[in-house]
Protein backbone atom coordinates (compact mmCIF):
# COMPACT_ATOMS: atom_id res chain seq x y z
CA UNK A 1 -16.52 -19.43 -8.11
CA UNK A 2 -16.09 -21.68 -5.14
CA UNK A 3 -12.90 -21.60 -3.14
CA UNK A 4 -12.06 -25.03 -4.52
CA UNK A 5 -12.43 -23.83 -8.13
CA UNK A 6 -10.28 -20.78 -7.41
CA UNK A 7 -7.61 -22.99 -5.84
CA UNK A 8 -7.62 -25.35 -8.82
CA UNK A 9 -7.38 -22.51 -11.34
CA UNK A 10 -4.50 -20.92 -9.46
CA UNK A 11 -2.57 -24.20 -9.68
CA UNK A 12 -2.49 -23.93 -13.47
CA UNK A 13 0.89 -22.27 -14.27
CA UNK A 14 -0.35 -20.37 -17.34
CA UNK A 15 -3.71 -19.28 -15.89
CA UNK A 16 -4.18 -15.50 -15.78
CA UNK A 17 -7.06 -13.87 -13.92
CA UNK A 18 -6.86 -10.67 -15.94
CA UNK A 19 -7.54 -10.61 -19.66
CA UNK A 20 -5.26 -8.62 -21.99
CA UNK A 21 -8.16 -6.27 -22.83
CA UNK A 22 -8.87 -5.58 -19.14
CA UNK A 23 -5.17 -5.02 -18.48
CA UNK A 24 -4.97 -2.62 -21.43
CA UNK A 25 -7.98 -0.66 -20.14
CA UNK A 26 -6.42 -0.52 -16.67
CA UNK A 27 -3.20 0.85 -18.18
CA UNK A 28 -5.12 3.50 -20.15
CA UNK A 29 -6.93 4.70 -17.02
CA UNK A 30 -3.73 4.59 -15.01
CA UNK A 31 -2.06 6.92 -17.53
CA UNK A 32 -5.09 9.24 -17.33
CA UNK A 33 -4.72 9.22 -13.54
CA UNK A 34 -1.07 10.27 -13.85
CA UNK A 35 -2.16 13.17 -16.09
CA UNK A 36 -4.85 14.12 -13.56
CA UNK A 37 -2.28 14.16 -10.77
CA UNK A 38 0.06 16.34 -12.83
CA UNK A 39 -2.80 18.81 -13.26
CA UNK A 40 -4.41 18.77 -9.81
CA UNK A 41 -1.60 17.52 -7.55
CA UNK A 42 -3.34 14.39 -6.24
CA UNK A 43 -5.20 11.28 -7.36
CA UNK A 44 -8.55 12.11 -5.76
CA UNK A 45 -10.67 12.18 -8.89
CA UNK A 46 -14.26 13.13 -8.05
CA UNK A 47 -17.19 10.92 -8.97
CA UNK A 48 -18.74 12.05 -11.19
CA UNK A 49 -15.88 13.78 -13.02
CA UNK A 50 -17.38 15.62 -15.97
CA UNK A 51 -14.12 15.85 -17.97
CA UNK A 52 -13.56 12.06 -17.99
CA UNK A 53 -16.37 10.17 -16.24
CA UNK A 54 -14.60 6.84 -16.71
CA UNK A 55 -11.60 8.10 -14.71
CA UNK A 56 -13.69 8.80 -11.62
CA UNK A 57 -15.23 5.35 -11.90
CA UNK A 58 -11.76 3.82 -12.34
CA UNK A 59 -10.53 5.45 -9.12
CA UNK A 60 -13.61 4.36 -7.18
CA UNK A 61 -13.26 0.80 -8.52
CA UNK A 62 -9.58 0.60 -7.51
CA UNK A 63 -10.51 1.54 -3.93
CA UNK A 64 -13.26 -1.09 -3.82
CA UNK A 65 -11.01 -3.79 -5.29
CA UNK A 66 -8.23 -2.91 -2.85
CA UNK A 67 -10.62 -3.22 0.09
CA UNK A 68 -11.84 -6.60 -1.16
CA UNK A 69 -8.25 -7.74 -1.67
CA UNK A 70 -7.32 -6.76 1.88
CA UNK A 71 -10.37 -8.65 3.18
CA UNK A 72 -9.41 -11.75 1.16
CA UNK A 73 -12.51 -11.57 -1.05
CA UNK A 74 -12.03 -12.51 -4.70
CA UNK A 75 -13.93 -10.19 -7.03
CA UNK A 76 -14.70 -10.31 -10.74
CA UNK A 77 -11.41 -8.46 -11.20
CA UNK A 78 -8.39 -8.93 -9.02
CA UNK A 79 -6.15 -5.97 -8.29
CA UNK A 80 -2.62 -7.31 -8.67
CA UNK A 81 0.20 -6.52 -6.25
CA UNK A 82 1.98 -4.76 -9.12
CA UNK A 83 -1.05 -2.54 -9.74
CA UNK A 84 -1.27 -1.72 -6.03
CA UNK A 85 2.43 -0.80 -6.02
CA UNK A 86 2.09 1.37 -9.14
CA UNK A 87 -0.88 3.24 -7.69
CA UNK A 88 0.94 3.80 -4.41
CA UNK A 89 4.06 5.01 -6.25
CA UNK A 90 2.07 7.91 -7.72
CA UNK A 91 0.56 8.79 -4.35
CA UNK A 92 -2.84 7.11 -4.70
CA UNK A 93 -4.83 7.37 -1.47
CA UNK A 94 -6.84 4.27 -0.64
CA UNK A 95 -8.93 6.10 1.94
CA UNK A 96 -10.40 9.38 0.78
CA UNK A 97 -11.47 10.32 4.31
CA UNK A 98 -7.84 10.49 5.41
CA UNK A 99 -7.09 12.95 2.61
CA UNK A 100 -10.08 15.11 3.59
CA UNK A 101 -8.69 15.45 7.11
CA UNK A 102 -5.26 16.39 5.76
CA UNK A 103 -6.37 19.22 3.46
CA UNK A 104 -9.60 20.40 5.00
CA UNK A 105 -13.15 19.65 3.99
CA UNK A 106 -14.07 23.14 2.75
CA UNK A 107 -11.14 23.24 0.30
CA UNK A 108 -12.08 19.81 -1.04
CA UNK A 109 -15.70 20.87 -1.58
CA UNK A 110 -14.61 24.07 -3.35
CA UNK A 111 -12.29 22.11 -5.63
CA UNK A 112 -14.95 19.54 -6.43
CA UNK A 113 -17.46 22.29 -7.29
CA UNK A 114 -14.88 23.84 -9.61
CA UNK A 115 -14.03 20.50 -11.29
CA UNK A 116 -17.58 19.42 -12.03
CA UNK A 117 -18.64 22.89 -13.10
CA UNK A 118 -21.37 23.32 -10.51
CA UNK A 119 -22.44 26.83 -9.59
CA UNK A 120 -24.88 28.06 -6.93
């Protein structure tokens, strides 16, 4: 969409960028992320995540959409301010690299190996 089309659509009071189905799927994955955090203590779901592959993709997609939002780029799906707030409330880390520095790379690798069931 051109910037002009986006501007015109946003002027329509009842226009919603997110469909009910997409919002419902987001909510389902968000609840799965809460369960993951309760189990593992953080929201850093690996990609791929063999237990629930769609959850790892959800987490990766949220980080991409957040980056695009911060850069002012409209994507096929817009991460709402409410969704950003909800993710941050549960301790979602937008930058995985920062988390790696906090906990140590070797621990993160060991945990990932354990989660995806990889053995040497």
